[in-house]
Amino acid sequence: MKVLAVDISGRHDVDKKFIRVYAGVLVEILADRIVHVEKIDVMVKREESQKVRDIIKEFKEFINKFEGYEYILCERGEFFNLPKETVKGILKRDIIFPKTRGEVEAINIAHHVSYSFRKFLLENILKEV
């Protein structure tokens, strides 16, 4: 089964701006493992606010870069702990919080990508801007 695991890094402000890195990992998974990583992509947003509507708007923009998956995996906190049904209604996509080992591994990959990419930006590129 193909799923899209998404992680957002950057909930802390840097010079009064929020630098959010969205990482998406399109994977084929089984309950106990990842079978294949098909695509990894990132999106960076530098904004002044950190509101739910901003996150949802950006999240919708980001997931449109992917196709051919059955559902989206993300951590409960990505949408400030809104109920899964609310997020599903807004995005018009199935949202799953990870339960199986394969789902947790997919989220871990997305988390490592978003965190590492944001760290790289802060250390190498954005300090010059």
C-alpha atoms as a PDB file:
ATOM      1  CA  MET A   1       0.000   0.000   0.000  1.00  0.00           C
ATOM      2  CA  LYS A   2       1.286   3.481  -0.886  1.00  0.00           C
ATOM      3  CA  VAL A   3       1.010   6.220   1.720  1.00  0.00           C
ATOM      4  CA  LEU A   4       2.278   9.780   2.116  1.00  0.00           C
ATOM      5  CA  ALA A   5       4.077  10.517   5.390  1.00  0.00           C
ATOM      6  CA  VAL A   6       4.375  14.239   6.163  1.00  0.00           C
ATOM      7  CA  ASP A   7       6.303  16.001   8.906  1.00  0.00           C
ATOM      8  CA  ILE A   8       6.594  19.723   9.605  1.00  0.00           C
ATOM      9  CA  SER A   9       9.659  21.117  11.313  1.00  0.00           C
ATOM     10  CA  GLY A  10       9.896  24.707  12.488  1.00  0.00           C
ATOM     11  CA  ARG A  11       7.404  25.605  15.154  1.00  0.00           C
ATOM     12  CA  HIS A  12       9.887  27.973  16.819  1.00  0.00           C
ATOM     13  CA  ASP A  13      10.456  31.506  15.576  1.00  0.00           C
ATOM     14  CA  VAL A  14      13.790  32.677  14.227  1.00  0.00           C
ATOM     15  CA  ASP A  15      14.151  36.471  14.238  1.00  0.00           C
ATOM     16  CA  LYS A  16      10.369  36.823  14.579  1.00  0.00           C
ATOM     17  CA  LYS A  17       9.730  34.563  11.569  1.00  0.00           C
ATOM     18  CA  PHE A  18       8.654  30.950  11.442  1.00  0.00           C
ATOM     19  CA  ILE A  19      10.710  28.864   9.061  1.00  0.00           C
ATOM     20  CA  ARG A  20       8.638  25.770   8.416  1.00  0.00           C
ATOM     21  CA  VAL A  21       9.987  22.834   6.460  1.00  0.00           C
ATOM     22  CA  TYR A  22       7.420  20.379   5.152  1.00  0.00           C
ATOM     23  CA  ALA A  23       8.849  16.967   4.284  1.00  0.00           C
ATOM     24  CA  GLY A  24       6.826  14.379   2.424  1.00  0.00           C
ATOM     25  CA  VAL A  25       7.816  10.790   1.881  1.00  0.00           C
ATOM     26  CA  LEU A  26       5.794   8.678  -0.538  1.00  0.00           C
ATOM     27  CA  VAL A  27       6.330   5.079   0.538  1.00  0.00           C
ATOM     28  CA  GLU A  28       5.015   1.618  -0.043  1.00  0.00           C
ATOM     29  CA  ILE A  29       4.529   0.000   3.350  1.00  0.00           C
ATOM     30  CA  LEU A  30       3.425  -3.162   5.050  1.00  0.00           C
ATOM     31  CA  ALA A  31       2.286  -3.251   8.652  1.00  0.00           C
ATOM     32  CA  ASP A  32       5.746  -4.153   9.899  1.00  0.00           C
ATOM     33  CA  ARG A  33       8.086  -2.350   7.485  1.00  0.00           C
ATOM     34  CA  ILE A  34       8.730  -0.029   4.579  1.00  0.00           C
ATOM     35  CA  VAL A  35       8.959  -1.843   1.268  1.00  0.00           C
ATOM     36  CA  HIS A  36       9.998   1.018  -0.996  1.00  0.00           C
ATOM     37  CA  VAL A  37      10.557   4.783  -0.851  1.00  0.00           C
ATOM     38  CA  GLU A  38       9.190   6.250  -4.080  1.00  0.00           C
ATOM     39  CA  LYS A  39       9.613   9.986  -3.587  1.00  0.00           C
ATOM     40  CA  ILE A  40      10.901  12.504  -1.055  1.00  0.00           C
ATOM     41  CA  ASP A  41      10.134  16.206  -1.387  1.00  0.00           C
ATOM     42  CA  VAL A  42      10.349  19.321   0.780  1.00  0.00           C
ATOM     43  CA  MET A  43       8.742  22.739   0.859  1.00  0.00           C
ATOM     44  CA  VAL A  44      10.026  25.719   2.864  1.00  0.00           C
ATOM     45  CA  LYS A  45       7.848  28.567   4.110  1.00  0.00           C
ATOM     46  CA  ARG A  46       9.071  31.625   5.983  1.00  0.00           C
ATOM     47  CA  GLU A  47       6.116  33.391   7.571  1.00  0.00           C
ATOM     48  CA  GLU A  48       5.317  35.724  10.444  1.00  0.00           C
ATOM     49  CA  SER A  49       2.502  33.700  11.943  1.00  0.00           C
ATOM     50  CA  GLN A  50       1.999  30.201  13.252  1.00  0.00           C
ATOM     51  CA  LYS A  51      -1.746  29.777  13.076  1.00  0.00           C
ATOM     52  CA  VAL A  52      -3.696  26.638  12.274  1.00  0.00           C
ATOM     53  CA  ARG A  53      -5.104  28.206   9.100  1.00  0.00           C
ATOM     54  CA  ASP A  54      -1.536  28.907   7.875  1.00  0.00           C
ATOM     55  CA  ILE A  55      -0.443  25.342   8.532  1.00  0.00           C
ATOM     56  CA  ILE A  56      -3.506  23.885   6.805  1.00  0.00           C
ATOM     57  CA  LYS A  57      -3.147  26.153   3.761  1.00  0.00           C
ATOM     58  CA  GLU A  58       0.516  25.271   3.378  1.00  0.00           C
ATOM     59  CA  PHE A  59      -0.122  21.584   4.053  1.00  0.00           C
ATOM     60  CA  LYS A  60      -2.766  21.493   1.299  1.00  0.00           C
ATOM     61  CA  GLU A  61      -0.338  23.178  -1.097  1.00  0.00           C
ATOM     62  CA  PHE A  62       2.364  20.669  -0.220  1.00  0.00           C
ATOM     63  CA  ILE A  63       0.345  17.460  -0.521  1.00  0.00           C
ATOM     64  CA  ASN A  64      -0.752  18.488  -4.008  1.00  0.00           C
ATOM     65  CA  LYS A  65       2.826  17.729  -5.110  1.00  0.00           C
ATOM     66  CA  PHE A  66       2.105  14.025  -4.602  1.00  0.00           C
ATOM     67  CA  GLU A  67      -0.337  11.572  -6.143  1.00  0.00           C
ATOM     68  CA  GLY A  68      -1.202   7.911  -6.050  1.00  0.00           C
ATOM     69  CA  TYR A  69      -1.356   7.332  -2.288  1.00  0.00           C
ATOM     70  CA  GLU A  70      -4.134   5.836  -0.168  1.00  0.00           C
ATOM     71  CA  TYR A  71      -3.859   8.102   2.862  1.00  0.00           C
ATOM     72  CA  ILE A  72      -1.707  10.695   4.600  1.00  0.00           C
ATOM     73  CA  LEU A  73       0.285   9.849   7.696  1.00  0.00           C
ATOM     74  CA  CYS A  74       1.144  12.614  10.126  1.00  0.00           C
ATOM     75  CA  GLU A  75       1.591  13.115  13.828  1.00  0.00           C
ATOM     76  CA  ARG A  76      -1.342  14.353  15.872  1.00  0.00           C
ATOM     77  CA  GLY A  77       0.478  17.571  16.816  1.00  0.00           C
ATOM     78  CA  GLU A  78       0.961  18.797  13.240  1.00  0.00           C
ATOM     79  CA  PHE A  79      -2.498  20.372  13.360  1.00  0.00           C
ATOM     80  CA  PHE A  80      -2.324  21.512  16.994  1.00  0.00           C
ATOM     81  CA  ASN A  81      -4.134  18.353  18.148  1.00  0.00           C
ATOM     82  CA  LEU A  82      -7.298  19.000  16.148  1.00  0.00           C
ATOM     83  CA  PRO A  83      -9.401  15.831  15.882  1.00  0.00           C
ATOM     84  CA  LYS A  84      -8.512  13.627  12.918  1.00  0.00           C
ATOM     85  CA  GLU A  85     -12.062  13.919  11.540  1.00  0.00           C
ATOM     86  CA  THR A  86     -11.806  17.723  11.471  1.00  0.00           C
ATOM     87  CA  VAL A  87      -8.498  17.655   9.610  1.00  0.00           C
ATOM     88  CA  LYS A  88      -9.831  15.015   7.212  1.00  0.00           C
ATOM     89  CA  GLY A  89     -12.850  17.230   6.481  1.00  0.00           C
ATOM     90  CA  ILE A  90     -10.702  20.276   5.790  1.00  0.00           C
ATOM     91  CA  LEU A  91      -8.152  18.488   3.609  1.00  0.00           C
ATOM     92  CA  LYS A  92     -10.692  16.199   1.901  1.00  0.00           C
ATOM     93  CA  ARG A  93      -8.127  13.384   2.274  1.00  0.00           C
ATOM     94  CA  ASP A  94      -7.832  10.443   4.649  1.00  0.00           C
ATOM     95  CA  ILE A  95      -5.545  11.253   7.569  1.00  0.00           C
ATOM     96  CA  ILE A  96      -4.065   8.546   9.762  1.00  0.00           C
ATOM     97  CA  PHE A  97      -2.000   8.947  12.885  1.00  0.00           C
ATOM     98  CA  PRO A  98       0.685   6.220  12.823  1.00  0.00           C
ATOM     99  CA  LYS A  99      -0.158   2.952  14.520  1.00  0.00           C
ATOM    100  CA  THR A 100       1.807   0.187  12.806  1.00  0.00           C
ATOM    101  CA  ARG A 101       5.558  -0.226  12.739  1.00  0.00           C
ATOM    102  CA  GLY A 102       5.635   0.553   9.000  1.00  0.00           C
ATOM    103  CA  GLU A 103       3.682   3.784   9.544  1.00  0.00           C
ATOM    104  CA  VAL A 104       5.942   4.857  12.400  1.00  0.00           C
ATOM    105  CA  GLU A 105       9.027   4.192  10.267  1.00  0.00           C
ATOM    106  CA  ALA A 106       7.572   6.309   7.440  1.00  0.00           C
ATOM    107  CA  ILE A 107       6.925   9.213   9.801  1.00  0.00           C
ATOM    108  CA  ASN A 108      10.446   8.843  11.196  1.00  0.00           C
ATOM    109  CA  ILE A 109      11.918   9.226   7.710  1.00  0.00           C
ATOM    110  CA  ALA A 110       9.813  12.346   7.075  1.00  0.00           C
ATOM    111  CA  HIS A 111      10.834  13.745  10.463  1.00  0.00           C
ATOM    112  CA  HIS A 112      14.546  13.207   9.780  1.00  0.00           C
ATOM    113  CA  VAL A 113      14.233  14.886   6.384  1.00  0.00           C
ATOM    114  CA  SER A 114      12.358  17.944   7.701  1.00  0.00           C
ATOM    115  CA  TYR A 115      14.566  18.388  10.750  1.00  0.00           C
ATOM    116  CA  SER A 116      17.828  17.922   8.840  1.00  0.00           C
ATOM    117  CA  PHE A 117      16.775  20.219   6.005  1.00  0.00           C
ATOM    118  CA  ARG A 118      15.698  22.958   8.431  1.00  0.00           C
ATOM    119  CA  LYS A 119      18.924  22.595  10.415  1.00  0.00           C
ATOM    120  CA  PHE A 120      20.924  22.891   7.188  1.00  0.00           C
ATOM    121  CA  LEU A 121      18.996  26.035   6.198  1.00  0.00           C
ATOM    122  CA  LEU A 122      19.538  27.682   9.566  1.00  0.00           C
ATOM    123  CA  GLU A 123      23.245  26.839   9.718  1.00  0.00           C
ATOM    124  CA  ASN A 124      24.234  27.519   6.121  1.00  0.00           C
ATOM    125  CA  ILE A 125      21.799  29.641   4.171  1.00  0.00           C
ATOM    126  CA  LEU A 126      19.421  31.678   6.306  1.00  0.00           C
ATOM    127  CA  LYS A 127      22.116  33.116   8.555  1.00  0.00           C
ATOM    128  CA  GLU A 128      23.309  35.047   5.516  1.00  0.00           C
ATOM    129  CA  VAL A 129      19.876  36.487   4.669  1.00  0.00           C
END
